């Protein structure tokens, strides 16, 4: 994270989630959302690296990420 960049306050994240879900939310829902997002990104990058190696690319490219995005999103749909 860069020095000038600020995070959303926890209360703001909770208000946004509650407004979009229309449900009551638990005390630490913002932490769980962040952890789920990080797990998704980690899985997406691993799958992209595998796809890039199979495609004989030098590194991870936008094309390799696009190819695995749909499958990775399907894994995290809940």
Protein backbone atom coordinates (compact mmCIF):
# COMPACT_ATOMS: atom_id res chain seq x y z
CA UNK A 1 0.00 0.00 0.00
CA UNK A 2 1.37 3.41 -0.88
CA UNK A 3 1.92 6.00 1.87
CA UNK A 4 -0.76 8.45 0.66
CA UNK A 5 -3.44 5.82 0.17
CA UNK A 6 -6.20 5.53 2.80
CA UNK A 7 -8.50 2.62 3.51
CA UNK A 8 -12.25 2.87 3.93
CA UNK A 9 -13.26 3.12 7.56
CA UNK A 10 -14.80 -0.13 8.82
CA UNK A 11 -18.13 1.59 9.47
CA UNK A 12 -18.30 2.79 5.86
CA UNK A 13 -17.66 -0.70 4.51
CA UNK A 14 -20.37 -2.10 6.76
CA UNK A 15 -22.87 0.53 5.61
CA UNK A 16 -22.12 -0.22 1.95
CA UNK A 17 -22.49 -3.98 2.45
CA UNK A 18 -25.70 -3.59 4.43
CA UNK A 19 -27.18 -1.26 1.80
CA UNK A 20 -26.43 -3.71 -1.03
CA UNK A 21 -27.43 -6.89 0.79
CA UNK A 22 -30.47 -5.61 2.64
CA UNK A 23 -29.68 -7.97 5.53
CA UNK A 24 -28.37 -7.57 9.03
CA UNK A 25 -24.63 -8.10 9.15
CA UNK A 26 -22.35 -9.40 11.85
CA UNK A 27 -19.71 -7.47 13.75
CA UNK A 28 -16.67 -8.59 11.72
CA UNK A 29 -18.21 -8.89 8.28
CA UNK A 30 -15.78 -6.37 6.79
CA UNK A 31 -12.82 -8.51 7.85
CA UNK A 32 -14.41 -11.61 6.32
CA UNK A 33 -15.08 -9.77 3.05
CA UNK A 34 -11.46 -8.64 2.88
CA UNK A 35 -10.13 -12.13 3.59
CA UNK A 36 -12.43 -13.68 0.99
CA UNK A 37 -11.27 -11.09 -1.56
CA UNK A 38 -7.61 -11.83 -0.81
CA UNK A 39 -8.22 -15.57 -1.15
CA UNK A 40 -9.93 -14.94 -4.49
CA UNK A 41 -7.03 -12.83 -5.75
CA UNK A 42 -4.48 -15.43 -4.63
CA UNK A 43 -6.38 -18.19 -6.43
CA UNK A 44 -6.78 -16.04 -9.54
CA UNK A 45 -3.05 -15.36 -9.69
CA UNK A 46 -2.12 -19.02 -9.19
CA UNK A 47 -4.52 -20.13 -11.92
CA UNK A 48 -3.25 -17.36 -14.22
CA UNK A 49 0.35 -18.46 -13.66
CA UNK A 50 -0.57 -22.04 -14.58
CA UNK A 51 -2.41 -20.83 -17.68
CA UNK A 52 0.55 -18.64 -18.70
CA UNK A 53 3.00 -21.55 -18.37
CA UNK A 54 0.76 -23.82 -20.41
CA UNK A 55 0.52 -21.12 -23.07
CA UNK A 56 4.34 -20.73 -23.20
CA UNK A 57 4.16 -17.09 -22.09
CA UNK A 58 7.05 -15.43 -20.28
CA UNK A 59 4.88 -14.11 -17.46
CA UNK A 60 1.31 -13.58 -16.40
CA UNK A 61 -0.52 -11.51 -18.98
CA UNK A 62 -3.98 -9.97 -19.15
CA UNK A 63 -4.97 -12.72 -21.56
CA UNK A 64 -4.07 -15.48 -19.11
CA UNK A 65 -6.00 -13.71 -16.34
CA UNK A 66 -9.08 -13.30 -18.56
CA UNK A 67 -9.00 -16.99 -19.46
CA UNK A 68 -9.25 -18.15 -15.84
CA UNK A 69 -11.46 -15.39 -14.40
CA UNK A 70 -14.75 -17.13 -15.16
CA UNK A 71 -13.73 -20.45 -13.59
CA UNK A 72 -12.27 -18.73 -10.54
CA UNK A 73 -15.40 -16.64 -10.04
CA UNK A 74 -17.50 -19.80 -10.29
CA UNK A 75 -15.45 -21.38 -7.48
CA UNK A 76 -16.12 -18.42 -5.19
CA UNK A 77 -19.82 -18.03 -5.95
CA UNK A 78 -21.72 -18.67 -2.78
